[in-house]
Amino acid sequence: MKQELETAPSMVLADYRGLTVAQISDLRDRCREAGVRFKVAKNTLLKLASGGTPMAAMDQLLTGPTAVAWHREDPGAPARVLVEFIKIKGNEKLEIKGAAAGGKLISAQEVKTMLATLPTRPQLLAIMAGLIAAGPTKLARLLAAGPQQLGRALGALQTEKEKQAA
């Protein structure tokens, strides 16, 4: 567990009280499909394992029954899976306690509004590819429009000077 705490980009903690065994099994299946690790852990063991790791900030969230979810590469994946699971009717009893990332504590509200809305790695790659592809196109348009706009600006300036002289 200590190794996972040292290498994971983020860890989301949740209180699973009130969920049935079938619901927890469903949650585990959803996590597995998304490549998210999900473990129910004892708070004292988590505190011991988190010592000296970037996840030590989560120690103050370790009260009551605790489940931990993390992904080895995508910091938003655990939050997305848990938030989507909570949206399903009957699963509202799963309560996100918060998260730890980069040595900082993230509130439950921030997990739901920020961390869960981070784009996935493939989405980020698509955005980057679009930006890279759009760069030369925009540059070409700018260079082509430059002389036209310069000509218009000079023409407007000449007209303005002629009006002032008259």
C-alpha atoms as a PDB file:
ATOM      1  CA  MET A   1       0.000   0.000   0.000  1.00  0.00           C
ATOM      2  CA  LYS A   2       2.851   2.385   0.798  1.00  0.00           C
ATOM      3  CA  GLN A   3       4.219   1.976  -2.734  1.00  0.00           C
ATOM      4  CA  GLU A   4       0.800   2.799  -4.201  1.00  0.00           C
ATOM      5  CA  LEU A   5       0.554   5.868  -1.950  1.00  0.00           C
ATOM      6  CA  GLU A   6       3.971   7.045  -3.134  1.00  0.00           C
ATOM      7  CA  THR A   7       3.262   6.697  -6.846  1.00  0.00           C
ATOM      8  CA  ALA A   8      -0.454   7.449  -7.328  1.00  0.00           C
ATOM      9  CA  PRO A   9      -1.200  10.977  -8.594  1.00  0.00           C
ATOM     10  CA  SER A  10      -4.300  11.185  -6.369  1.00  0.00           C
ATOM     11  CA  MET A  11      -6.342   9.133  -3.935  1.00  0.00           C
ATOM     12  CA  VAL A  12     -10.052   9.591  -3.313  1.00  0.00           C
ATOM     13  CA  LEU A  13     -11.487   8.520   0.038  1.00  0.00           C
ATOM     14  CA  ALA A  14     -15.112   7.554   0.538  1.00  0.00           C
ATOM     15  CA  ASP A  15     -17.431   6.367   3.295  1.00  0.00           C
ATOM     16  CA  TYR A  16     -19.297   3.296   2.075  1.00  0.00           C
ATOM     17  CA  ARG A  17     -21.680   2.846   5.048  1.00  0.00           C
ATOM     18  CA  GLY A  18     -25.162   1.865   3.980  1.00  0.00           C
ATOM     19  CA  LEU A  19     -24.181   0.206   0.705  1.00  0.00           C
ATOM     20  CA  THR A  20     -25.181  -3.394   0.185  1.00  0.00           C
ATOM     21  CA  VAL A  21     -22.701  -6.093  -0.780  1.00  0.00           C
ATOM     22  CA  ALA A  22     -24.214  -6.067  -4.283  1.00  0.00           C
ATOM     23  CA  GLN A  23     -23.678  -2.309  -4.578  1.00  0.00           C
ATOM     24  CA  ILE A  24     -20.067  -2.554  -3.435  1.00  0.00           C
ATOM     25  CA  SER A  25     -19.502  -5.384  -5.929  1.00  0.00           C
ATOM     26  CA  ASP A  26     -21.002  -3.206  -8.664  1.00  0.00           C
ATOM     27  CA  LEU A  27     -18.721  -0.333  -7.627  1.00  0.00           C
ATOM     28  CA  ARG A  28     -15.684  -2.611  -7.681  1.00  0.00           C
ATOM     29  CA  ASP A  29     -16.632  -3.799 -11.183  1.00  0.00           C
ATOM     30  CA  ARG A  30     -16.989  -0.204 -12.417  1.00  0.00           C
ATOM     31  CA  CYS A  31     -13.625   0.675 -10.902  1.00  0.00           C
ATOM     32  CA  ARG A  32     -11.964  -2.357 -12.483  1.00  0.00           C
ATOM     33  CA  GLU A  33     -13.385  -1.437 -15.913  1.00  0.00           C
ATOM     34  CA  ALA A  34     -11.914   2.069 -15.608  1.00  0.00           C
ATOM     35  CA  GLY A  35      -8.539   0.806 -14.374  1.00  0.00           C
ATOM     36  CA  VAL A  36      -9.201   2.263 -10.924  1.00  0.00           C
ATOM     37  CA  ARG A  37      -8.013   0.409  -7.852  1.00  0.00           C
ATOM     38  CA  PHE A  38     -10.574   0.290  -5.024  1.00  0.00           C
ATOM     39  CA  LYS A  39      -9.791  -0.969  -1.540  1.00  0.00           C
ATOM     40  CA  VAL A  40     -11.507  -0.937   1.827  1.00  0.00           C
ATOM     41  CA  ALA A  41      -8.739  -0.297   4.325  1.00  0.00           C
ATOM     42  CA  LYS A  42      -8.258   0.138   8.043  1.00  0.00           C
ATOM     43  CA  ASN A  43      -7.594   3.757   8.955  1.00  0.00           C
ATOM     44  CA  THR A  44      -4.633   2.920  11.193  1.00  0.00           C
ATOM     45  CA  LEU A  45      -2.933   0.974   8.393  1.00  0.00           C
ATOM     46  CA  LEU A  46      -3.559   3.801   5.923  1.00  0.00           C
ATOM     47  CA  LYS A  47      -2.073   6.319   8.361  1.00  0.00           C
ATOM     48  CA  LEU A  48       1.015   4.155   8.794  1.00  0.00           C
ATOM     49  CA  ALA A  49       1.397   3.616   5.042  1.00  0.00           C
ATOM     50  CA  SER A  50       0.838   7.282   4.135  1.00  0.00           C
ATOM     51  CA  GLY A  51       3.571   8.571   6.435  1.00  0.00           C
ATOM     52  CA  GLY A  52       6.315  10.234   4.390  1.00  0.00           C
ATOM     53  CA  THR A  53       4.332  10.041   1.124  1.00  0.00           C
ATOM     54  CA  PRO A  54       2.549  12.776  -0.847  1.00  0.00           C
ATOM     55  CA  MET A  55      -0.718  11.271   0.427  1.00  0.00           C
ATOM     56  CA  ALA A  56       0.005  12.021   4.095  1.00  0.00           C
ATOM     57  CA  ALA A  57      -2.410  14.976   3.807  1.00  0.00           C
ATOM     58  CA  MET A  58      -5.337  12.525   3.735  1.00  0.00           C
ATOM     59  CA  ASP A  59      -4.733  11.423   7.350  1.00  0.00           C
ATOM     60  CA  GLN A  60      -7.324  13.874   8.690  1.00  0.00           C
ATOM     61  CA  LEU A  61     -10.001  12.210   6.519  1.00  0.00           C
ATOM     62  CA  LEU A  62      -9.355   8.791   8.027  1.00  0.00           C
ATOM     63  CA  THR A  63     -12.343   8.499  10.333  1.00  0.00           C
ATOM     64  CA  GLY A  64     -15.106   5.929  10.128  1.00  0.00           C
ATOM     65  CA  PRO A  65     -15.243   3.249   7.439  1.00  0.00           C
ATOM     66  CA  THR A  66     -12.909   4.214   4.614  1.00  0.00           C
ATOM     67  CA  ALA A  67     -12.591   3.051   1.044  1.00  0.00           C
ATOM     68  CA  VAL A  68      -9.741   4.325  -1.101  1.00  0.00           C
ATOM     69  CA  ALA A  69      -9.805   4.640  -4.880  1.00  0.00           C
ATOM     70  CA  TRP A  70      -6.872   5.533  -7.129  1.00  0.00           C
ATOM     71  CA  HIS A  71      -5.537   5.186 -10.641  1.00  0.00           C
ATOM     72  CA  ARG A  72      -1.830   4.818 -11.341  1.00  0.00           C
ATOM     73  CA  GLU A  73      -1.779   7.492 -14.064  1.00  0.00           C
ATOM     74  CA  ASP A  74      -5.048   9.435 -14.275  1.00  0.00           C
ATOM     75  CA  PRO A  75      -5.739  11.628 -11.218  1.00  0.00           C
ATOM     76  CA  GLY A  76      -9.372  12.208 -12.233  1.00  0.00           C
ATOM     77  CA  ALA A  77     -10.379   8.602 -12.949  1.00  0.00           C
ATOM     78  CA  PRO A  78     -11.270   7.576  -9.368  1.00  0.00           C
ATOM     79  CA  ALA A  79     -13.324  10.712  -8.822  1.00  0.00           C
ATOM     80  CA  ARG A  80     -15.177  10.226 -12.137  1.00  0.00           C
ATOM     81  CA  VAL A  81     -16.057   6.593 -11.303  1.00  0.00           C
ATOM     82  CA  LEU A  82     -17.239   7.390  -7.756  1.00  0.00           C
ATOM     83  CA  VAL A  83     -19.253  10.468  -8.782  1.00  0.00           C
ATOM     84  CA  GLU A  84     -20.945   8.537 -11.611  1.00  0.00           C
ATOM     85  CA  PHE A  85     -21.714   5.679  -9.227  1.00  0.00           C
ATOM     86  CA  ILE A  86     -23.326   8.073  -6.716  1.00  0.00           C
ATOM     87  CA  LYS A  87     -25.586   9.483  -9.468  1.00  0.00           C
ATOM     88  CA  ILE A  88     -27.243   6.068  -9.912  1.00  0.00           C
ATOM     89  CA  LYS A  89     -30.481   5.824  -7.951  1.00  0.00           C
ATOM     90  CA  GLY A  90     -29.927   3.969  -4.700  1.00  0.00           C
ATOM     91  CA  ASN A  91     -26.176   4.595  -4.528  1.00  0.00           C
ATOM     92  CA  GLU A  92     -26.419   7.987  -2.830  1.00  0.00           C
ATOM     93  CA  LYS A  93     -25.189   6.464   0.441  1.00  0.00           C
ATOM     94  CA  LEU A  94     -21.622   6.371  -0.872  1.00  0.00           C
ATOM     95  CA  GLU A  95     -20.133   9.586   0.472  1.00  0.00           C
ATOM     96  CA  ILE A  96     -16.920  11.079  -0.856  1.00  0.00           C
ATOM     97  CA  LYS A  97     -14.821  12.286   2.076  1.00  0.00           C
ATOM     98  CA  GLY A  98     -12.201  14.076   0.009  1.00  0.00           C
ATOM     99  CA  ALA A  99      -8.931  13.345  -1.753  1.00  0.00           C
ATOM    100  CA  ALA A 100      -5.220  13.892  -1.587  1.00  0.00           C
ATOM    101  CA  ALA A 101      -3.074  14.892  -4.531  1.00  0.00           C
ATOM    102  CA  GLY A 102       0.398  16.317  -4.707  1.00  0.00           C
ATOM    103  CA  GLY A 103       0.654  16.579  -0.945  1.00  0.00           C
ATOM    104  CA  LYS A 104      -2.512  18.663  -0.705  1.00  0.00           C
ATOM    105  CA  LEU A 105      -5.925  17.842   0.709  1.00  0.00           C
ATOM    106  CA  ILE A 106      -8.897  18.243  -1.627  1.00  0.00           C
ATOM    107  CA  SER A 107     -12.377  18.726  -0.182  1.00  0.00           C
ATOM    108  CA  ALA A 108     -15.298  16.490  -1.118  1.00  0.00           C
ATOM    109  CA  GLN A 109     -16.913  19.347  -3.047  1.00  0.00           C
ATOM    110  CA  GLU A 110     -13.723  19.985  -5.022  1.00  0.00           C
ATOM    111  CA  VAL A 111     -13.484  16.283  -5.832  1.00  0.00           C
ATOM    112  CA  LYS A 112     -16.997  16.411  -7.316  1.00  0.00           C
ATOM    113  CA  THR A 113     -16.637  19.697  -9.186  1.00  0.00           C
ATOM    114  CA  MET A 114     -12.980  19.749 -10.227  1.00  0.00           C
ATOM    115  CA  LEU A 115     -11.262  16.391 -10.008  1.00  0.00           C
ATOM    116  CA  ALA A 116     -14.192  14.442 -11.477  1.00  0.00           C
ATOM    117  CA  THR A 117     -14.380  16.803 -14.464  1.00  0.00           C
ATOM    118  CA  LEU A 118     -10.725  16.488 -15.487  1.00  0.00           C
ATOM    119  CA  PRO A 119     -10.460  15.141 -19.023  1.00  0.00           C
ATOM    120  CA  THR A 120      -9.066  11.654 -19.513  1.00  0.00           C
ATOM    121  CA  ARG A 121      -5.630  11.110 -21.023  1.00  0.00           C
ATOM    122  CA  PRO A 122      -7.046  10.281 -24.505  1.00  0.00           C
ATOM    123  CA  GLN A 123      -9.213  13.414 -24.327  1.00  0.00           C
ATOM    124  CA  LEU A 124      -6.183  15.527 -23.385  1.00  0.00           C
ATOM    125  CA  LEU A 125      -4.193  14.049 -26.255  1.00  0.00           C
ATOM    126  CA  ALA A 126      -7.018  14.871 -28.669  1.00  0.00           C
ATOM    127  CA  ILE A 127      -7.174  18.445 -27.372  1.00  0.00           C
ATOM    128  CA  MET A 128      -3.402  18.811 -27.746  1.00  0.00           C
ATOM    129  CA  ALA A 129      -3.494  17.391 -31.271  1.00  0.00           C
ATOM    130  CA  GLY A 130      -6.239  19.857 -32.163  1.00  0.00           C
ATOM    131  CA  LEU A 131      -4.265  22.763 -30.754  1.00  0.00           C
ATOM    132  CA  ILE A 132      -1.113  21.698 -32.573  1.00  0.00           C
ATOM    133  CA  ALA A 133      -3.002  21.251 -35.844  1.00  0.00           C
ATOM    134  CA  ALA A 134      -4.836  24.559 -35.414  1.00  0.00           C
ATOM    135  CA  GLY A 135      -1.606  26.470 -34.782  1.00  0.00           C
ATOM    136  CA  PRO A 136      -0.249  26.449 -38.365  1.00  0.00           C
ATOM    137  CA  THR A 137      -3.721  27.104 -39.779  1.00  0.00           C
ATOM    138  CA  LYS A 138      -4.238  30.138 -37.538  1.00  0.00           C
ATOM    139  CA  LEU A 139      -0.730  31.378 -38.314  1.00  0.00           C
ATOM    140  CA  ALA A 140      -1.357  31.099 -42.055  1.00  0.00           C
ATOM    141  CA  ARG A 141      -4.650  33.017 -41.715  1.00  0.00           C
ATOM    142  CA  LEU A 142      -2.964  35.684 -39.627  1.00  0.00           C
ATOM    143  CA  LEU A 143      -0.134  36.100 -42.111  1.00  0.00           C
ATOM    144  CA  ALA A 144      -2.572  36.253 -45.030  1.00  0.00           C
ATOM    145  CA  ALA A 145      -4.836  38.711 -43.229  1.00  0.00           C
ATOM    146  CA  GLY A 146      -1.909  40.874 -42.072  1.00  0.00           C
ATOM    147  CA  PRO A 147      -1.250  42.715 -45.362  1.00  0.00           C
ATOM    148  CA  GLN A 148      -4.996  43.165 -45.986  1.00  0.00           C
ATOM    149  CA  GLN A 149      -5.572  44.604 -42.519  1.00  0.00           C
ATOM    150  CA  LEU A 150      -2.472  46.805 -42.801  1.00  0.00           C
ATOM    151  CA  GLY A 151      -3.752  48.168 -46.117  1.00  0.00           C
ATOM    152  CA  ARG A 152      -7.168  48.903 -44.605  1.00  0.00           C
ATOM    153  CA  ALA A 153      -5.610  50.599 -41.576  1.00  0.00           C
ATOM    154  CA  LEU A 154      -3.369  52.771 -43.791  1.00  0.00           C
ATOM    155  CA  GLY A 155      -6.333  53.652 -45.991  1.00  0.00           C
ATOM    156  CA  ALA A 156      -8.413  54.632 -42.945  1.00  0.00           C
ATOM    157  CA  LEU A 157      -5.525  56.721 -41.597  1.00  0.00           C
ATOM    158  CA  GLN A 158      -5.139  58.519 -44.921  1.00  0.00           C
ATOM    159  CA  THR A 159      -8.871  59.253 -45.037  1.00  0.00           C
ATOM    160  CA  GLU A 160      -8.749  60.583 -41.480  1.00  0.00           C
ATOM    161  CA  LYS A 161      -5.816  62.917 -42.301  1.00  0.00           C
ATOM    162  CA  GLU A 162      -7.604  64.176 -45.407  1.00  0.00           C
ATOM    163  CA  LYS A 163     -10.682  65.017 -43.315  1.00  0.00           C
ATOM    164  CA  GLN A 164      -8.552  66.875 -40.761  1.00  0.00           C
ATOM    165  CA  ALA A 165      -6.764  68.837 -43.483  1.00  0.00           C
ATOM    166  CA  ALA A 166     -10.040  69.913 -45.087  1.00  0.00           C
END
